């Protein structure tokens, strides 16, 4: 593993730790020294990676956008070769796996948008829009192939993203009743039934 990749992985670790602390204490109430202590490094070393506490929000966006871009690129070819129902089910499964792996980051964005600057908020909105568009394109392909019956693919795509993200921001309750696999199965069946018009 190269030095650049190690640095990226280390930054990812820092951001995950910071997200967990921000969720627990809030962004404004989390001292940088707490993040450093949880990462087993001194404050000076932490600042080498993040620059400042204010900059960490921008780093969160850059990191998350990079992860989502990789997610889309890694799955694009596989999705194009599948039938619409299979492609949508696969995309839901992969996205839920992504949400599960980066659940604290997902919750952080829902919780801390109030602390974003206008520029940061616009960047986050663009990031969210790209995720919605990925699902919307799958739904539109299904309509074109005569598999799906959806009046508004945009709102349907938003609904899919929220149902997946719910695994992170309602985890405190959902995990008492479902495994990731069980939750994925239930939501996929519901989404496919709605998309195909079997239920309104």
Protein backbone atom coordinates (compact mmCIF):
# COMPACT_ATOMS: atom_id res chain seq x y z
CA UNK A 1 0.00 0.00 0.00
CA UNK A 2 1.39 3.40 -1.05
CA UNK A 3 1.84 6.40 1.23
CA UNK A 4 -1.00 8.29 -0.48
CA UNK A 5 -3.45 5.42 0.03
CA UNK A 6 -2.38 5.09 3.67
CA UNK A 7 -3.03 8.81 4.13
CA UNK A 8 -6.49 8.48 2.54
CA UNK A 9 -7.32 5.48 4.75
CA UNK A 10 -6.12 7.35 7.83
CA UNK A 11 -8.28 10.35 6.92
CA UNK A 12 -11.24 8.02 6.47
CA UNK A 13 -10.67 6.60 9.94
CA UNK A 14 -10.48 10.13 11.42
CA UNK A 15 -13.71 11.18 9.72
CA UNK A 16 -15.57 8.08 10.92
CA UNK A 17 -14.41 8.69 14.49
CA UNK A 18 -15.35 12.37 14.22
CA UNK A 19 -18.80 11.49 12.84
CA UNK A 20 -19.48 9.16 15.78
CA UNK A 21 -18.46 11.87 18.26
CA UNK A 22 -20.45 14.58 16.48
CA UNK A 23 -23.56 12.40 16.60
CA UNK A 24 -23.09 11.81 20.33
CA UNK A 25 -22.05 15.32 21.43
CA UNK A 26 -22.91 17.56 18.48
CA UNK A 27 -20.43 19.24 16.16
CA UNK A 28 -20.08 22.42 18.22
CA UNK A 29 -19.60 20.55 21.51
CA UNK A 30 -16.92 18.12 20.32
CA UNK A 31 -13.34 19.28 21.11
CA UNK A 32 -10.62 18.42 18.62
CA UNK A 33 -8.65 16.76 21.44
CA UNK A 34 -11.49 14.20 21.83
CA UNK A 35 -11.22 13.27 18.15
CA UNK A 36 -7.44 12.96 18.46
CA UNK A 37 -7.70 10.80 21.58
CA UNK A 38 -10.16 8.41 19.93
CA UNK A 39 -7.81 8.16 16.93
CA UNK A 40 -4.83 7.47 19.23
CA UNK A 41 -2.86 10.46 17.98
CA UNK A 42 -1.88 13.85 19.32
CA UNK A 43 -3.69 17.03 18.34
CA UNK A 44 -0.81 18.26 16.16
CA UNK A 45 -0.90 15.07 14.09
CA UNK A 46 -4.67 15.32 13.74
CA UNK A 47 -4.37 18.88 12.43
CA UNK A 48 -1.91 17.58 9.82
CA UNK A 49 -4.81 15.59 8.35
CA UNK A 50 -7.79 17.90 8.86
CA UNK A 51 -6.26 21.40 8.96
CA UNK A 52 -8.89 22.75 11.35
CA UNK A 53 -12.16 21.73 12.97
CA UNK A 54 -14.02 24.04 10.56
CA UNK A 55 -12.44 22.34 7.57
CA UNK A 56 -13.56 18.90 8.71
CA UNK A 57 -17.05 19.52 7.29
CA UNK A 58 -15.56 20.15 3.83
CA UNK A 59 -13.38 17.06 4.21
CA UNK A 60 -16.48 15.05 5.10
CA UNK A 61 -18.07 16.14 1.85
CA UNK A 62 -15.00 15.43 -0.25
CA UNK A 63 -14.59 12.01 1.35
CA UNK A 64 -18.28 11.06 1.06
CA UNK A 65 -18.49 12.26 -2.55
CA UNK A 66 -15.42 10.20 -3.37
CA UNK A 67 -16.96 7.12 -1.78
CA UNK A 68 -20.26 7.60 -3.61
CA UNK A 69 -18.50 8.23 -6.93
CA UNK A 70 -16.53 5.01 -6.48
CA UNK A 71 -19.73 3.19 -5.52
CA UNK A 72 -21.50 4.33 -8.71
CA UNK A 73 -18.52 3.58 -10.98
CA UNK A 74 -17.91 0.14 -9.46
CA UNK A 75 -21.51 -0.95 -10.01
CA UNK A 76 -22.35 0.82 -13.28
CA UNK A 77 -21.20 -1.92 -15.64
CA UNK A 78 -22.91 -4.70 -13.66
CA UNK A 79 -26.18 -2.76 -13.52
CA UNK A 80 -26.22 -2.14 -17.27
CA UNK A 81 -26.10 -5.88 -17.97
CA UNK A 82 -29.06 -6.74 -15.71
CA UNK A 83 -32.80 -6.72 -16.29
CA UNK A 84 -34.55 -3.71 -14.65
CA UNK A 85 -35.93 -5.59 -11.60
CA UNK A 86 -32.62 -7.33 -10.97
CA UNK A 87 -30.67 -4.09 -11.44
CA UNK A 88 -32.89 -2.18 -9.01
CA UNK A 89 -32.68 -4.95 -6.39
CA UNK A 90 -28.90 -5.09 -6.80
CA UNK A 91 -28.56 -1.30 -6.48
CA UNK A 92 -30.69 -1.27 -3.31
CA UNK A 93 -28.58 -4.09 -1.81
CA UNK A 94 -25.28 -2.41 -2.62
CA UNK A 95 -26.44 1.01 -1.43
CA UNK A 96 -27.72 -0.44 1.85
CA UNK A 97 -24.37 -2.15 2.35
CA UNK A 98 -22.73 1.23 1.77
CA UNK A 99 -25.07 2.93 4.28
CA UNK A 100 -24.34 0.19 6.81
CA UNK A 101 -20.57 0.62 6.43
CA UNK A 102 -20.71 4.43 6.64
CA UNK A 103 -23.75 4.75 8.90
CA UNK A 104 -22.27 7.41 11.18
CA UNK A 105 -21.46 9.59 8.19
CA UNK A 106 -25.04 9.21 6.94
CA UNK A 107 -26.50 10.16 10.33
CA UNK A 108 -24.03 13.03 10.63
CA UNK A 109 -25.32 14.69 7.45
CA UNK A 110 -28.93 14.40 8.54
CA UNK A 111 -28.07 15.83 11.95
CA UNK A 112 -25.57 18.56 11.16
CA UNK A 113 -26.83 20.32 8.01
CA UNK A 114 -27.65 23.32 10.22
CA UNK A 115 -23.91 23.91 10.71
CA UNK A 116 -23.05 23.97 7.00
CA UNK A 117 -22.18 27.11 5.12
CA UNK A 118 -24.28 27.94 2.07
CA UNK A 119 -21.52 26.62 -0.21
CA UNK A 120 -21.20 23.40 1.78
CA UNK A 121 -24.97 22.91 1.75
CA UNK A 122 -25.09 23.34 -2.03
CA UNK A 123 -22.30 20.78 -2.39
CA UNK A 124 -24.18 18.33 -0.18
CA UNK A 125 -27.35 18.88 -2.21
CA UNK A 126 -25.45 18.05 -5.42
CA UNK A 127 -24.06 14.92 -3.79
CA UNK A 128 -27.53 13.78 -2.73
CA UNK A 129 -28.93 14.61 -6.17
CA UNK A 130 -26.39 12.32 -7.85
CA UNK A 131 -27.49 9.41 -5.65
CA UNK A 132 -31.15 10.08 -6.44
CA UNK A 133 -30.40 10.31 -10.16
CA UNK A 134 -28.67 6.90 -10.09
CA UNK A 135 -31.88 5.28 -8.83
CA UNK A 136 -34.08 7.43 -11.05
CA UNK A 137 -32.25 6.23 -14.17
CA UNK A 138 -32.88 2.60 -13.16
CA UNK A 139 -36.58 3.31 -12.66
CA UNK A 140 -36.83 5.06 -16.03
CA UNK A 141 -35.11 2.14 -17.75
CA UNK A 142 -37.67 -0.17 -16.15
CA UNK A 143 -40.54 1.98 -17.45
CA UNK A 144 -39.02 2.00 -20.94
CA UNK A 145 -38.79 -1.80 -20.87
CA UNK A 146 -42.39 -2.09 -19.70
CA UNK A 147 -41.45 -3.53 -16.31
CA UNK A 148 -42.28 -0.58 -14.04
CA UNK A 149 -45.34 1.65 -13.72
CA UNK A 150 -44.35 4.85 -11.94
CA UNK A 151 -45.97 8.26 -12.34
CA UNK A 152 -43.09 10.26 -10.80
CA UNK A 153 -39.67 8.59 -10.96
CA UNK A 154 -38.00 11.47 -9.17
CA UNK A 155 -40.07 11.19 -5.98
CA UNK A 156 -39.86 7.39 -6.21
CA UNK A 157 -36.05 7.61 -6.32
CA UNK A 158 -36.04 9.96 -3.32
CA UNK A 159 -38.21 7.46 -1.45
CA UNK A 160 -35.74 4.65 -2.17
CA UNK A 161 -32.80 6.71 -0.87
CA UNK A 162 -34.68 7.64 2.32
CA UNK A 163 -35.75 4.02 2.94
CA UNK A 164 -32.11 2.95 2.62
CA UNK A 165 -30.77 5.81 4.75
CA UNK A 166 -33.34 4.92 7.41
CA UNK A 167 -31.19 1.88 8.21
CA UNK A 168 -28.66 4.36 9.62
CA UNK A 169 -30.75 7.09 11.24
CA UNK A 170 -33.31 4.68 12.82
CA UNK A 171 -30.75 2.00 13.62
CA UNK A 172 -31.40 2.29 17.35
CA UNK A 173 -34.81 0.66 16.76
CA UNK A 174 -34.52 -1.26 13.50
CA UNK A 175 -31.56 -3.35 14.63
CA UNK A 176 -33.65 -4.79 17.44
CA UNK A 177 -35.86 -6.47 14.86
CA UNK A 178 -33.84 -6.87 11.62
CA UNK A 179 -30.46 -7.90 10.36
CA UNK A 180 -29.10 -5.93 7.38
CA UNK A 181 -30.05 -8.86 5.14
CA UNK A 182 -33.59 -9.00 6.54
CA UNK A 183 -34.11 -5.26 6.21
CA UNK A 184 -32.76 -5.32 2.65
CA UNK A 185 -35.14 -8.14 1.71
CA UNK A 186 -38.21 -6.40 3.17
CA UNK A 187 -37.49 -3.02 1.58
CA UNK A 188 -36.52 -4.50 -1.78
CA UNK A 189 -39.77 -6.47 -1.99
CA UNK A 190 -41.77 -3.34 -1.09
CA UNK A 191 -39.95 -1.12 -3.58
CA UNK A 192 -40.24 -3.64 -6.44
CA UNK A 193 -43.95 -4.19 -5.71
CA UNK A 194 -44.59 -0.44 -5.85
CA UNK A 195 -42.45 0.02 -8.96
CA UNK A 196 -44.25 -2.74 -10.84
CA UNK A 197 -47.69 -1.40 -9.82
CA UNK A 198 -48.64 -4.47 -7.76
CA UNK A 199 -49.38 -2.11 -4.87
CA UNK A 200 -50.19 1.63 -5.15
